[in-house]
Amino acid sequence: MTDNVEQVTPSTPPQPGRRAKRSEQTREKIFRAALKLFAERGFNATTIEAITAAADVGKGTFFNYFENKESVLLDYRELQMERVAAFVAANRASDRPLAPLLLELALTLTIEQGQSPGLIQSLLTAVFASDTVQKRMAEAIDGNVRQLALLIGHRQEHGELRNDLSPFDIAQGFQRMIFGTMITWSLAPVDPLEESMKRSIELFVNGVLPK
């Protein structure tokens, strides 16, 4: 005699990938809301309550992802480092002309700032108000310069750039040019940031070409 065994279809457990995606979307929503408010109100005037209201999440949810407002800036630091690393990996051996290549990188690194001069000023205020953030940002800048130096070094090896300067020095000069252009533009944003960057990069590239 055959026992009648009821066939039970197991329920499908929640997929970890979906949970991770929702979590990342929530984090991104909070992050973007914070940057928008920093640009509109300034860093110091933006409260966590304002960020959570703009992101339509509870205050507890904010602290699930960020320790404080400064942590949002450190998240931005990580984003910038990822952008530089990805750009260098994709373009290290590229034969594209240097000026448009560096312009693409500059615009990638200033995509948020280019939408609002206030964000640049807000970020600077926040960085210089916290020793911890200042140190971490300085570390990120150094790391980005070292990444970019890989691309510069490749160009020097092929005779495209002057070789009396180290790849690090040229990459550092590029980084400083980006910051200088970004800050001065934020004080008088008459033209789009892209136009200011284009002019600065053309001058920079002319200065590092072989003599």
C-alpha atoms as a PDB file:
ATOM      1  CA  MET A   1       0.000   0.000   0.000  1.00  0.00           C
ATOM      2  CA  THR A   2       1.340   3.368  -0.987  1.00  0.00           C
ATOM      3  CA  ASP A   3       1.132   6.138   1.536  1.00  0.00           C
ATOM      4  CA  ASN A   4      -0.456   9.305   0.238  1.00  0.00           C
ATOM      5  CA  VAL A   5       2.097  12.006   0.865  1.00  0.00           C
ATOM      6  CA  GLU A   6       0.926  15.552   0.422  1.00  0.00           C
ATOM      7  CA  GLN A   7       3.166  17.500  -1.866  1.00  0.00           C
ATOM      8  CA  VAL A   8       4.172  20.741  -0.180  1.00  0.00           C
ATOM      9  CA  THR A   9       5.702  23.484  -2.253  1.00  0.00           C
ATOM     10  CA  PRO A  10       8.176  25.394  -0.124  1.00  0.00           C
ATOM     11  CA  SER A  11       7.697  29.120  -0.015  1.00  0.00           C
ATOM     12  CA  THR A  12      10.360  31.146  -1.767  1.00  0.00           C
ATOM     13  CA  PRO A  13      12.537  32.945   0.768  1.00  0.00           C
ATOM     14  CA  PRO A  14      13.285  36.628   0.208  1.00  0.00           C
ATOM     15  CA  GLN A  15      16.167  36.975  -2.173  1.00  0.00           C
ATOM     16  CA  PRO A  16      19.268  38.546  -0.592  1.00  0.00           C
ATOM     17  CA  GLY A  17      19.949  40.372  -3.857  1.00  0.00           C
ATOM     18  CA  ARG A  18      16.630  42.179  -3.684  1.00  0.00           C
ATOM     19  CA  ARG A  19      17.171  43.207  -0.088  1.00  0.00           C
ATOM     20  CA  ALA A  20      20.642  44.476  -0.928  1.00  0.00           C
ATOM     21  CA  LYS A  21      19.279  46.429  -3.879  1.00  0.00           C
ATOM     22  CA  ARG A  22      16.551  48.048  -1.778  1.00  0.00           C
ATOM     23  CA  SER A  23      19.094  48.894   0.890  1.00  0.00           C
ATOM     24  CA  GLU A  24      21.404  50.480  -1.662  1.00  0.00           C
ATOM     25  CA  GLN A  25      18.527  52.450  -3.131  1.00  0.00           C
ATOM     26  CA  THR A  26      17.620  53.787   0.322  1.00  0.00           C
ATOM     27  CA  ARG A  27      21.212  54.761   1.009  1.00  0.00           C
ATOM     28  CA  GLU A  28      21.456  56.517  -2.359  1.00  0.00           C
ATOM     29  CA  LYS A  29      18.195  58.376  -1.729  1.00  0.00           C
ATOM     30  CA  ILE A  30      19.458  59.679   1.605  1.00  0.00           C
ATOM     31  CA  PHE A  31      22.841  60.543   0.104  1.00  0.00           C
ATOM     32  CA  ARG A  32      21.334  62.510  -2.783  1.00  0.00           C
ATOM     33  CA  ALA A  33      18.857  64.301  -0.523  1.00  0.00           C
ATOM     34  CA  ALA A  34      21.717  65.373   1.742  1.00  0.00           C
ATOM     35  CA  LEU A  35      23.833  66.719  -1.124  1.00  0.00           C
ATOM     36  CA  LYS A  36      20.858  68.671  -2.477  1.00  0.00           C
ATOM     37  CA  LEU A  37      20.203  70.267   0.900  1.00  0.00           C
ATOM     38  CA  PHE A  38      23.895  71.009   1.438  1.00  0.00           C
ATOM     39  CA  ALA A  39      23.813  72.896  -1.863  1.00  0.00           C
ATOM     40  CA  GLU A  40      20.617  74.796  -1.048  1.00  0.00           C
ATOM     41  CA  ARG A  41      21.093  75.549   2.652  1.00  0.00           C
ATOM     42  CA  GLY A  42      24.758  74.991   3.379  1.00  0.00           C
ATOM     43  CA  PHE A  43      26.250  72.178   5.409  1.00  0.00           C
ATOM     44  CA  ASN A  44      25.885  73.740   8.845  1.00  0.00           C
ATOM     45  CA  ALA A  45      22.267  74.770   8.311  1.00  0.00           C
ATOM     46  CA  THR A  46      21.188  71.342   7.103  1.00  0.00           C
ATOM     47  CA  THR A  47      19.825  69.118   9.846  1.00  0.00           C
ATOM     48  CA  ILE A  48      19.484  65.362   9.840  1.00  0.00           C
ATOM     49  CA  GLU A  49      15.751  65.869  10.269  1.00  0.00           C
ATOM     50  CA  ALA A  50      15.680  67.897   7.068  1.00  0.00           C
ATOM     51  CA  ILE A  51      17.612  65.192   5.233  1.00  0.00           C
ATOM     52  CA  THR A  52      15.284  62.427   6.360  1.00  0.00           C
ATOM     53  CA  ALA A  53      12.232  64.509   5.477  1.00  0.00           C
ATOM     54  CA  ALA A  54      13.602  65.177   1.992  1.00  0.00           C
ATOM     55  CA  ALA A  55      14.455  61.500   1.526  1.00  0.00           C
ATOM     56  CA  ASP A  56      11.094  60.442   2.995  1.00  0.00           C
ATOM     57  CA  VAL A  57      12.661  58.079   5.524  1.00  0.00           C
ATOM     58  CA  GLY A  58      12.668  57.901   9.295  1.00  0.00           C
ATOM     59  CA  LYS A  59      15.474  59.343  11.383  1.00  0.00           C
ATOM     60  CA  GLY A  60      16.411  55.844  12.494  1.00  0.00           C
ATOM     61  CA  THR A  61      16.815  54.834   8.881  1.00  0.00           C
ATOM     62  CA  PHE A  62      19.379  57.593   8.394  1.00  0.00           C
ATOM     63  CA  PHE A  63      21.480  56.184  11.225  1.00  0.00           C
ATOM     64  CA  ASN A  64      21.311  52.731   9.701  1.00  0.00           C
ATOM     65  CA  TYR A  65      23.505  54.072   6.919  1.00  0.00           C
ATOM     66  CA  PHE A  66      25.308  57.149   8.217  1.00  0.00           C
ATOM     67  CA  GLU A  67      26.761  58.004  11.607  1.00  0.00           C
ATOM     68  CA  ASN A  68      26.296  61.751  11.105  1.00  0.00           C
ATOM     69  CA  LYS A  69      26.275  64.429   8.402  1.00  0.00           C
ATOM     70  CA  GLU A  70      30.041  64.168   8.040  1.00  0.00           C
ATOM     71  CA  SER A  71      29.638  60.513   7.108  1.00  0.00           C
ATOM     72  CA  VAL A  72      27.707  61.595   4.024  1.00  0.00           C
ATOM     73  CA  LEU A  73      30.804  63.491   2.899  1.00  0.00           C
ATOM     74  CA  LEU A  74      32.956  60.435   3.460  1.00  0.00           C
ATOM     75  CA  ASP A  75      30.525  58.498   1.277  1.00  0.00           C
ATOM     76  CA  TYR A  76      31.067  61.143  -1.379  1.00  0.00           C
ATOM     77  CA  ARG A  77      34.819  60.650  -0.925  1.00  0.00           C
ATOM     78  CA  GLU A  78      34.439  56.956  -1.703  1.00  0.00           C
ATOM     79  CA  LEU A  79      32.351  57.750  -4.776  1.00  0.00           C
ATOM     80  CA  GLN A  80      35.031  60.073  -6.125  1.00  0.00           C
ATOM     81  CA  MET A  81      37.779  57.518  -5.545  1.00  0.00           C
ATOM     82  CA  GLU A  82      35.744  54.877  -7.370  1.00  0.00           C
ATOM     83  CA  ARG A  83      35.212  57.259 -10.278  1.00  0.00           C
ATOM     84  CA  VAL A  84      38.916  57.984 -10.656  1.00  0.00           C
ATOM     85  CA  ALA A  85      39.916  54.317 -10.378  1.00  0.00           C
ATOM     86  CA  ALA A  86      37.313  53.276 -12.955  1.00  0.00           C
ATOM     87  CA  PHE A  87      38.322  56.070 -15.325  1.00  0.00           C
ATOM     88  CA  VAL A  88      42.022  55.248 -15.144  1.00  0.00           C
ATOM     89  CA  ALA A  89      41.352  51.527 -15.600  1.00  0.00           C
ATOM     90  CA  ALA A  90      39.264  52.232 -18.693  1.00  0.00           C
ATOM     91  CA  ASN A  91      41.559  54.849 -20.228  1.00  0.00           C
ATOM     92  CA  ARG A  92      45.088  54.107 -19.059  1.00  0.00           C
ATOM     93  CA  ALA A  93      46.109  52.784 -22.476  1.00  0.00           C
ATOM     94  CA  SER A  94      43.750  55.003 -24.472  1.00  0.00           C
ATOM     95  CA  ASP A  95      45.112  56.859 -27.493  1.00  0.00           C
ATOM     96  CA  ARG A  96      42.523  59.634 -27.258  1.00  0.00           C
ATOM     97  CA  PRO A  97      43.890  63.204 -27.232  1.00  0.00           C
ATOM     98  CA  LEU A  98      44.753  64.213 -23.680  1.00  0.00           C
ATOM     99  CA  ALA A  99      42.686  67.416 -23.431  1.00  0.00           C
ATOM    100  CA  PRO A 100      39.238  65.864 -24.113  1.00  0.00           C
ATOM    101  CA  LEU A 101      40.205  62.848 -22.019  1.00  0.00           C
ATOM    102  CA  LEU A 102      41.044  64.995 -18.985  1.00  0.00           C
ATOM    103  CA  LEU A 103      37.955  67.130 -19.565  1.00  0.00           C
ATOM    104  CA  GLU A 104      35.827  63.990 -19.375  1.00  0.00           C
ATOM    105  CA  LEU A 105      37.467  63.077 -16.070  1.00  0.00           C
ATOM    106  CA  ALA A 106      37.076  66.604 -14.675  1.00  0.00           C
ATOM    107  CA  LEU A 107      33.371  66.683 -15.556  1.00  0.00           C
ATOM    108  CA  THR A 108      32.894  63.219 -14.072  1.00  0.00           C
ATOM    109  CA  LEU A 109      34.435  64.390 -10.795  1.00  0.00           C
ATOM    110  CA  THR A 110      32.376  67.606 -10.683  1.00  0.00           C
ATOM    111  CA  ILE A 111      29.024  66.338 -11.930  1.00  0.00           C
ATOM    112  CA  GLU A 112      27.296  67.197  -8.637  1.00  0.00           C
ATOM    113  CA  GLN A 113      29.134  70.490  -8.091  1.00  0.00           C
ATOM    114  CA  GLY A 114      28.448  71.649 -11.625  1.00  0.00           C
ATOM    115  CA  GLN A 115      24.741  71.591 -10.888  1.00  0.00           C
ATOM    116  CA  SER A 116      25.087  73.927  -7.929  1.00  0.00           C
ATOM    117  CA  PRO A 117      27.846  76.389  -6.925  1.00  0.00           C
ATOM    118  CA  GLY A 118      26.490  76.236  -3.395  1.00  0.00           C
ATOM    119  CA  LEU A 119      27.486  72.619  -3.035  1.00  0.00           C
ATOM    120  CA  ILE A 120      31.157  73.465  -3.595  1.00  0.00           C
ATOM    121  CA  GLN A 121      31.120  76.071  -0.854  1.00  0.00           C
ATOM    122  CA  SER A 122      29.162  73.769   1.448  1.00  0.00           C
ATOM    123  CA  LEU A 123      31.624  70.908   0.969  1.00  0.00           C
ATOM    124  CA  LEU A 124      34.580  73.163   1.706  1.00  0.00           C
ATOM    125  CA  THR A 125      32.900  74.469   4.857  1.00  0.00           C
ATOM    126  CA  ALA A 126      32.286  70.923   6.067  1.00  0.00           C
ATOM    127  CA  VAL A 127      35.779  69.697   5.275  1.00  0.00           C
ATOM    128  CA  PHE A 128      37.563  72.487   7.095  1.00  0.00           C
ATOM    129  CA  ALA A 129      35.230  72.241  10.078  1.00  0.00           C
ATOM    130  CA  SER A 130      36.243  68.662  10.882  1.00  0.00           C
ATOM    131  CA  ASP A 131      39.793  67.401  11.353  1.00  0.00           C
ATOM    132  CA  THR A 132      38.650  63.847  10.681  1.00  0.00           C
ATOM    133  CA  VAL A 133      36.903  64.715   7.431  1.00  0.00           C
ATOM    134  CA  GLN A 134      39.805  66.932   6.405  1.00  0.00           C
ATOM    135  CA  LYS A 135      42.300  64.101   6.935  1.00  0.00           C
ATOM    136  CA  ARG A 136      40.165  61.545   5.100  1.00  0.00           C
ATOM    137  CA  MET A 137      39.611  63.906   2.180  1.00  0.00           C
ATOM    138  CA  ALA A 138      43.348  64.604   1.964  1.00  0.00           C
ATOM    139  CA  GLU A 139      43.986  60.854   1.852  1.00  0.00           C
ATOM    140  CA  ALA A 140      41.457  60.507  -0.959  1.00  0.00           C
ATOM    141  CA  ILE A 141      43.058  63.297  -2.954  1.00  0.00           C
ATOM    142  CA  ASP A 142      46.465  61.656  -2.605  1.00  0.00           C
ATOM    143  CA  GLY A 143      45.019  58.314  -3.688  1.00  0.00           C
ATOM    144  CA  ASN A 144      43.330  59.891  -6.700  1.00  0.00           C
ATOM    145  CA  VAL A 145      46.556  61.596  -7.738  1.00  0.00           C
ATOM    146  CA  ARG A 146      48.437  58.303  -7.563  1.00  0.00           C
ATOM    147  CA  GLN A 147      45.785  56.667  -9.721  1.00  0.00           C
ATOM    148  CA  LEU A 148      45.923  59.447 -12.281  1.00  0.00           C
ATOM    149  CA  ALA A 149      49.726  59.282 -12.300  1.00  0.00           C
ATOM    150  CA  LEU A 150      49.399  55.816 -13.867  1.00  0.00           C
ATOM    151  CA  LEU A 151      47.638  57.334 -16.864  1.00  0.00           C
ATOM    152  CA  ILE A 152      50.113  60.234 -17.061  1.00  0.00           C
ATOM    153  CA  GLY A 153      53.076  57.866 -16.858  1.00  0.00           C
ATOM    154  CA  HIS A 154      51.761  55.872 -19.817  1.00  0.00           C
ATOM    155  CA  ARG A 155      51.561  59.068 -21.868  1.00  0.00           C
ATOM    156  CA  GLN A 156      55.105  60.021 -20.903  1.00  0.00           C
ATOM    157  CA  GLU A 157      56.411  56.616 -21.953  1.00  0.00           C
ATOM    158  CA  HIS A 158      55.008  57.263 -25.416  1.00  0.00           C
ATOM    159  CA  GLY A 159      56.546  60.714 -25.649  1.00  0.00           C
ATOM    160  CA  GLU A 160      53.266  62.607 -25.514  1.00  0.00           C
ATOM    161  CA  LEU A 161      54.107  64.571 -22.357  1.00  0.00           C
ATOM    162  CA  ARG A 162      57.217  66.260 -21.035  1.00  0.00           C
ATOM    163  CA  ASN A 163      59.380  63.961 -18.945  1.00  0.00           C
ATOM    164  CA  ASP A 164      61.196  66.517 -16.811  1.00  0.00           C
ATOM    165  CA  LEU A 165      58.308  66.271 -14.339  1.00  0.00           C
ATOM    166  CA  SER A 166      57.228  63.127 -12.520  1.00  0.00           C
ATOM    167  CA  PRO A 167      53.840  61.573 -13.326  1.00  0.00           C
ATOM    168  CA  PHE A 168      52.822  62.337  -9.739  1.00  0.00           C
ATOM    169  CA  ASP A 169      53.691  66.031 -10.080  1.00  0.00           C
ATOM    170  CA  ILE A 170      51.695  66.361 -13.306  1.00  0.00           C
ATOM    171  CA  ALA A 171      48.735  64.469 -11.830  1.00  0.00           C
ATOM    172  CA  GLN A 172      48.887  66.623  -8.707  1.00  0.00           C
ATOM    173  CA  GLY A 173      48.918  69.748 -10.862  1.00  0.00           C
ATOM    174  CA  PHE A 174      45.811  68.496 -12.641  1.00  0.00           C
ATOM    175  CA  GLN A 175      44.065  67.829  -9.348  1.00  0.00           C
ATOM    176  CA  ARG A 176      44.895  71.304  -8.090  1.00  0.00           C
ATOM    177  CA  MET A 177      43.709  72.824 -11.351  1.00  0.00           C
ATOM    178  CA  ILE A 178      40.348  71.092 -10.934  1.00  0.00           C
ATOM    179  CA  PHE A 179      39.958  72.394  -7.391  1.00  0.00           C
ATOM    180  CA  GLY A 180      41.053  75.913  -8.282  1.00  0.00           C
ATOM    181  CA  THR A 181      38.719  76.116 -11.263  1.00  0.00           C
ATOM    182  CA  MET A 182      35.847  74.660  -9.274  1.00  0.00           C
ATOM    183  CA  ILE A 183      36.241  77.108  -6.391  1.00  0.00           C
ATOM    184  CA  THR A 184      36.651  80.236  -8.517  1.00  0.00           C
ATOM    185  CA  TRP A 185      33.687  79.200 -10.669  1.00  0.00           C
ATOM    186  CA  SER A 186      31.524  78.788  -7.570  1.00  0.00           C
ATOM    187  CA  LEU A 187      32.206  82.425  -6.649  1.00  0.00           C
ATOM    188  CA  ALA A 188      31.125  83.751 -10.043  1.00  0.00           C
ATOM    189  CA  PRO A 189      29.282  81.066 -12.040  1.00  0.00           C
ATOM    190  CA  VAL A 190      28.633  83.147 -15.132  1.00  0.00           C
ATOM    191  CA  ASP A 191      29.270  80.298 -17.575  1.00  0.00           C
ATOM    192  CA  PRO A 192      28.643  76.571 -17.065  1.00  0.00           C
ATOM    193  CA  LEU A 193      31.375  74.847 -15.072  1.00  0.00           C
ATOM    194  CA  GLU A 194      32.157  72.771 -18.165  1.00  0.00           C
ATOM    195  CA  GLU A 195      33.290  75.879 -20.041  1.00  0.00           C
ATOM    196  CA  SER A 196      35.599  76.948 -17.228  1.00  0.00           C
ATOM    197  CA  MET A 197      37.033  73.452 -16.989  1.00  0.00           C
ATOM    198  CA  LYS A 198      37.613  73.297 -20.724  1.00  0.00           C
ATOM    199  CA  ARG A 199      39.617  76.528 -20.739  1.00  0.00           C
ATOM    200  CA  SER A 200      41.671  75.491 -17.710  1.00  0.00           C
ATOM    201  CA  ILE A 201      42.443  72.042 -19.127  1.00  0.00           C
ATOM    202  CA  GLU A 202      43.561  73.448 -22.474  1.00  0.00           C
ATOM    203  CA  LEU A 203      46.049  75.683 -20.666  1.00  0.00           C
ATOM    204  CA  PHE A 204      47.145  72.810 -18.428  1.00  0.00           C
ATOM    205  CA  VAL A 205      47.715  70.398 -21.306  1.00  0.00           C
ATOM    206  CA  ASN A 206      49.704  73.012 -23.251  1.00  0.00           C
ATOM    207  CA  GLY A 207      51.949  73.313 -20.224  1.00  0.00           C
ATOM    208  CA  VAL A 208      52.761  69.596 -20.010  1.00  0.00           C
ATOM    209  CA  LEU A 209      53.366  68.923 -23.690  1.00  0.00           C
ATOM    210  CA  PRO A 210      56.972  68.172 -24.711  1.00  0.00           C
ATOM    211  CA  LYS A 211      59.053  71.306 -25.263  1.00  0.00           C
END
